[in-house]
Amino acid sequence: MMTQQPPELAMYQKLGELFYAIAAADKVIRKAEKDTLRNLVSSHWKNLDQLEDEFYTDASYQIEIVFDWLDDTQLDPNDCFEDFKAFKNEHPKLFTAQVNKLIWKTADAIAASFAGKNKAELIMLAKLKMLLENGDSNTLKQCN
C-alpha cells in the first residue's frame, strides 16, 4: 500500500520542477546551471530544516533528483512551472518569507550562471517573482 508523502517533502520535489523550469526556459540546460543548483542545495537548502526522505537522506536533495530526472526526460519547462504554481497555491503555509527568499535567490542564480540571463529566463523569472509576491503569475504587474 502506498502512503502519501508529506507536503513538506513534496515541496522539495516541486522546487526541483521549478528550478528545472528556470534552467530549461531557453531549451538548454548547461553544466554551470546544474553546478549552481547543486552548490545552493548544499550550502542553503540543506540547512533549511531537518526533514529526511524515506531513505533517511536530507529531503533537500529531492530538488537535485527531480531536476536531473526532468533534464533526462526533457519535460516542458512551462508545464513544470505551472505544476509548481499549483502546489504553491495548494500549500501556501509552506512558503514562508524565508523559503520564498531562498527560492528567488536560487532561481536568480541559476538563470545568471551561464552568460547572464536571456529573454526566456527573464520571462520565467518575472512569472516567479509575481507568484512569490502576489501568489499569481498570470497578472502582469511591475516586478521590481
C-alpha atoms as a PDB file:
ATOM      1  CA  MET A   1       0.000   0.000   0.000  1.00  0.00           C
ATOM      2  CA  MET A   2       1.396   3.391  -0.983  1.00  0.00           C
ATOM      3  CA  THR A   3       1.331   6.136   1.566  1.00  0.00           C
ATOM      4  CA  GLN A   4       1.015   9.746   0.614  1.00  0.00           C
ATOM      5  CA  GLN A   5       4.172  11.723   1.215  1.00  0.00           C
ATOM      6  CA  PRO A   6       4.029  14.758   3.458  1.00  0.00           C
ATOM      7  CA  PRO A   7       3.624  18.124   1.705  1.00  0.00           C
ATOM      8  CA  GLU A   8       6.974  19.258   3.118  1.00  0.00           C
ATOM      9  CA  LEU A   9       8.755  16.509   1.177  1.00  0.00           C
ATOM     10  CA  ALA A  10       6.666  17.148  -1.933  1.00  0.00           C
ATOM     11  CA  MET A  11       7.691  20.813  -1.714  1.00  0.00           C
ATOM     12  CA  TYR A  12      11.325  19.881  -2.357  1.00  0.00           C
ATOM     13  CA  GLN A  13      10.280  17.830  -5.379  1.00  0.00           C
ATOM     14  CA  LYS A  14       8.213  20.728  -6.721  1.00  0.00           C
ATOM     15  CA  LEU A  15      11.191  23.022  -6.199  1.00  0.00           C
ATOM     16  CA  GLY A  16      13.168  20.657  -8.409  1.00  0.00           C
ATOM     17  CA  GLU A  17      10.488  21.212 -11.057  1.00  0.00           C
ATOM     18  CA  LEU A  18      10.635  24.967 -10.627  1.00  0.00           C
ATOM     19  CA  PHE A  19      14.420  25.180 -10.874  1.00  0.00           C
ATOM     20  CA  TYR A  20      14.351  22.887 -13.909  1.00  0.00           C
ATOM     21  CA  ALA A  21      11.790  25.261 -15.485  1.00  0.00           C
ATOM     22  CA  ILE A  22      14.114  28.218 -14.911  1.00  0.00           C
ATOM     23  CA  ALA A  23      17.182  26.412 -16.284  1.00  0.00           C
ATOM     24  CA  ALA A  24      15.293  24.913 -19.254  1.00  0.00           C
ATOM     25  CA  ALA A  25      13.420  28.095 -20.165  1.00  0.00           C
ATOM     26  CA  ASP A  26      15.840  28.643 -23.044  1.00  0.00           C
ATOM     27  CA  LYS A  27      15.604  24.933 -24.058  1.00  0.00           C
ATOM     28  CA  VAL A  28      19.208  24.225 -22.957  1.00  0.00           C
ATOM     29  CA  ILE A  29      20.454  23.240 -19.511  1.00  0.00           C
ATOM     30  CA  ARG A  30      24.115  23.962 -19.075  1.00  0.00           C
ATOM     31  CA  LYS A  31      26.632  22.486 -16.657  1.00  0.00           C
ATOM     32  CA  ALA A  32      27.012  25.863 -14.953  1.00  0.00           C
ATOM     33  CA  GLU A  33      23.278  25.879 -14.156  1.00  0.00           C
ATOM     34  CA  LYS A  34      23.457  22.375 -12.661  1.00  0.00           C
ATOM     35  CA  ASP A  35      26.562  23.285 -10.657  1.00  0.00           C
ATOM     36  CA  THR A  36      24.866  26.404  -9.295  1.00  0.00           C
ATOM     37  CA  LEU A  37      21.843  24.374  -8.217  1.00  0.00           C
ATOM     38  CA  ARG A  38      23.988  21.738  -6.514  1.00  0.00           C
ATOM     39  CA  ASN A  39      26.033  24.366  -4.688  1.00  0.00           C
ATOM     40  CA  LEU A  40      22.936  26.164  -3.404  1.00  0.00           C
ATOM     41  CA  VAL A  41      21.257  22.937  -2.303  1.00  0.00           C
ATOM     42  CA  SER A  42      24.376  22.036  -0.311  1.00  0.00           C
ATOM     43  CA  SER A  43      25.014  25.474   1.114  1.00  0.00           C
ATOM     44  CA  HIS A  44      21.470  26.763   1.724  1.00  0.00           C
ATOM     45  CA  TRP A  45      18.603  24.321   1.186  1.00  0.00           C
ATOM     46  CA  LYS A  46      20.202  21.555   3.243  1.00  0.00           C
ATOM     47  CA  ASN A  47      20.216  23.827   6.294  1.00  0.00           C
ATOM     48  CA  LEU A  48      16.579  24.914   5.964  1.00  0.00           C
ATOM     49  CA  ASP A  49      15.138  22.092   8.088  1.00  0.00           C
ATOM     50  CA  GLN A  50      15.836  18.583   9.377  1.00  0.00           C
ATOM     51  CA  LEU A  51      13.374  16.766   7.090  1.00  0.00           C
ATOM     52  CA  GLU A  52      14.528  13.459   5.626  1.00  0.00           C
ATOM     53  CA  ASP A  53      13.094  11.344   2.825  1.00  0.00           C
ATOM     54  CA  GLU A  54      12.185   7.663   3.131  1.00  0.00           C
ATOM     55  CA  PHE A  55      15.866   6.745   2.677  1.00  0.00           C
ATOM     56  CA  TYR A  56      16.940   8.955   5.614  1.00  0.00           C
ATOM     57  CA  THR A  57      18.626  11.399   3.252  1.00  0.00           C
ATOM     58  CA  ASP A  58      18.195  15.133   3.667  1.00  0.00           C
ATOM     59  CA  ALA A  59      14.972  15.972   1.850  1.00  0.00           C
ATOM     60  CA  SER A  60      16.565  18.944   0.104  1.00  0.00           C
ATOM     61  CA  TYR A  61      18.375  16.527  -2.198  1.00  0.00           C
ATOM     62  CA  GLN A  62      14.978  15.797  -3.746  1.00  0.00           C
ATOM     63  CA  ILE A  63      15.477  19.127  -5.543  1.00  0.00           C
ATOM     64  CA  GLU A  64      18.507  17.744  -7.396  1.00  0.00           C
ATOM     65  CA  ILE A  65      16.963  14.310  -8.000  1.00  0.00           C
ATOM     66  CA  VAL A  66      13.845  15.743  -9.617  1.00  0.00           C
ATOM     67  CA  PHE A  67      15.849  18.346 -11.554  1.00  0.00           C
ATOM     68  CA  ASP A  68      18.102  15.626 -13.019  1.00  0.00           C
ATOM     69  CA  TRP A  69      15.158  13.366 -13.856  1.00  0.00           C
ATOM     70  CA  LEU A  70      13.369  16.205 -15.650  1.00  0.00           C
ATOM     71  CA  ASP A  71      16.555  17.075 -17.516  1.00  0.00           C
ATOM     72  CA  ASP A  72      16.785  13.462 -18.699  1.00  0.00           C
ATOM     73  CA  THR A  73      13.122  13.339 -19.771  1.00  0.00           C
ATOM     74  CA  GLN A  74      13.130  16.923 -21.104  1.00  0.00           C
ATOM     75  CA  LEU A  75       9.671  17.906 -19.950  1.00  0.00           C
ATOM     76  CA  ASP A  76       8.212  21.232 -20.997  1.00  0.00           C
ATOM     77  CA  PRO A  77       9.507  23.961 -18.647  1.00  0.00           C
ATOM     78  CA  ASN A  78       6.189  25.817 -18.699  1.00  0.00           C
ATOM     79  CA  ASP A  79       4.339  22.689 -17.555  1.00  0.00           C
ATOM     80  CA  CYS A  80       6.838  22.299 -14.724  1.00  0.00           C
ATOM     81  CA  PHE A  81       6.376  25.922 -13.688  1.00  0.00           C
ATOM     82  CA  GLU A  82       2.588  25.500 -13.678  1.00  0.00           C
ATOM     83  CA  ASP A  83       2.960  22.331 -11.580  1.00  0.00           C
ATOM     84  CA  PHE A  84       4.995  24.271  -9.023  1.00  0.00           C
ATOM     85  CA  LYS A  85       2.476  27.118  -9.080  1.00  0.00           C
ATOM     86  CA  ALA A  86      -0.439  24.759  -8.395  1.00  0.00           C
ATOM     87  CA  PHE A  87       1.444  23.165  -5.497  1.00  0.00           C
ATOM     88  CA  LYS A  88       2.330  26.558  -4.017  1.00  0.00           C
ATOM     89  CA  ASN A  89      -1.294  27.655  -4.219  1.00  0.00           C
ATOM     90  CA  GLU A  90      -2.430  24.414  -2.527  1.00  0.00           C
ATOM     91  CA  HIS A  91       0.128  24.703   0.291  1.00  0.00           C
ATOM     92  CA  PRO A  92       0.722  28.413   0.943  1.00  0.00           C
ATOM     93  CA  LYS A  93       1.808  27.857   4.568  1.00  0.00           C
ATOM     94  CA  LEU A  94       4.915  26.003   3.404  1.00  0.00           C
ATOM     95  CA  PHE A  95       6.124  29.109   1.571  1.00  0.00           C
ATOM     96  CA  THR A  96       7.361  31.315   4.362  1.00  0.00           C
ATOM     97  CA  ALA A  97       9.240  34.548   3.722  1.00  0.00           C
ATOM     98  CA  GLN A  98      12.497  32.655   4.312  1.00  0.00           C
ATOM     99  CA  VAL A  99      11.581  29.924   1.796  1.00  0.00           C
ATOM    100  CA  ASN A 100      10.404  32.450  -0.807  1.00  0.00           C
ATOM    101  CA  LYS A 101      13.623  34.430  -0.421  1.00  0.00           C
ATOM    102  CA  LEU A 102      15.690  31.272  -0.919  1.00  0.00           C
ATOM    103  CA  ILE A 103      13.574  30.243  -3.921  1.00  0.00           C
ATOM    104  CA  TRP A 104      14.247  33.605  -5.527  1.00  0.00           C
ATOM    105  CA  LYS A 105      17.964  33.506  -4.703  1.00  0.00           C
ATOM    106  CA  THR A 106      18.290  30.036  -6.231  1.00  0.00           C
ATOM    107  CA  ALA A 107      16.252  30.761  -9.363  1.00  0.00           C
ATOM    108  CA  ASP A 108      18.065  34.030  -9.992  1.00  0.00           C
ATOM    109  CA  ALA A 109      21.473  32.388  -9.521  1.00  0.00           C
ATOM    110  CA  ILE A 110      20.602  29.533 -11.897  1.00  0.00           C
ATOM    111  CA  ALA A 111      19.480  31.977 -14.583  1.00  0.00           C
ATOM    112  CA  ALA A 112      22.590  34.129 -14.164  1.00  0.00           C
ATOM    113  CA  SER A 113      25.052  31.239 -14.004  1.00  0.00           C
ATOM    114  CA  PHE A 114      25.734  30.962 -17.732  1.00  0.00           C
ATOM    115  CA  ALA A 115      26.496  34.166 -19.636  1.00  0.00           C
ATOM    116  CA  GLY A 116      23.863  36.170 -17.808  1.00  0.00           C
ATOM    117  CA  LYS A 117      20.093  35.939 -18.135  1.00  0.00           C
ATOM    118  CA  ASN A 118      18.473  35.553 -21.531  1.00  0.00           C
ATOM    119  CA  LYS A 119      14.979  36.628 -22.581  1.00  0.00           C
ATOM    120  CA  ALA A 120      13.314  33.255 -21.872  1.00  0.00           C
ATOM    121  CA  GLU A 121      14.837  33.111 -18.399  1.00  0.00           C
ATOM    122  CA  LEU A 122      13.852  36.717 -17.672  1.00  0.00           C
ATOM    123  CA  ILE A 123      10.242  35.939 -18.579  1.00  0.00           C
ATOM    124  CA  MET A 124      10.234  32.873 -16.323  1.00  0.00           C
ATOM    125  CA  LEU A 125      11.848  34.873 -13.507  1.00  0.00           C
ATOM    126  CA  ALA A 126       9.217  37.603 -13.873  1.00  0.00           C
ATOM    127  CA  LYS A 127       6.461  34.998 -13.558  1.00  0.00           C
ATOM    128  CA  LEU A 128       8.157  33.573 -10.484  1.00  0.00           C
ATOM    129  CA  LYS A 129       8.580  36.983  -8.884  1.00  0.00           C
ATOM    130  CA  MET A 130       4.865  37.681  -9.326  1.00  0.00           C
ATOM    131  CA  LEU A 131       3.986  34.282  -7.912  1.00  0.00           C
ATOM    132  CA  LEU A 132       6.200  34.748  -4.864  1.00  0.00           C
ATOM    133  CA  GLU A 133       4.975  38.286  -4.209  1.00  0.00           C
ATOM    134  CA  ASN A 134       1.321  38.062  -5.180  1.00  0.00           C
ATOM    135  CA  GLY A 135       0.541  34.377  -5.480  1.00  0.00           C
ATOM    136  CA  ASP A 136      -0.394  34.865  -9.145  1.00  0.00           C
ATOM    137  CA  SER A 137       1.896  34.668 -12.150  1.00  0.00           C
ATOM    138  CA  ASN A 138      -0.893  35.431 -14.629  1.00  0.00           C
ATOM    139  CA  THR A 139      -1.217  39.041 -13.610  1.00  0.00           C
ATOM    140  CA  LEU A 140       1.183  41.321 -15.415  1.00  0.00           C
ATOM    141  CA  LYS A 141       2.379  43.723 -12.745  1.00  0.00           C
ATOM    142  CA  GLN A 142       5.642  45.551 -12.222  1.00  0.00           C
ATOM    143  CA  CYS A 143       8.316  43.158 -10.922  1.00  0.00           C
ATOM    144  CA  ASN A 144      10.788  45.269  -9.022  1.00  0.00           C
END
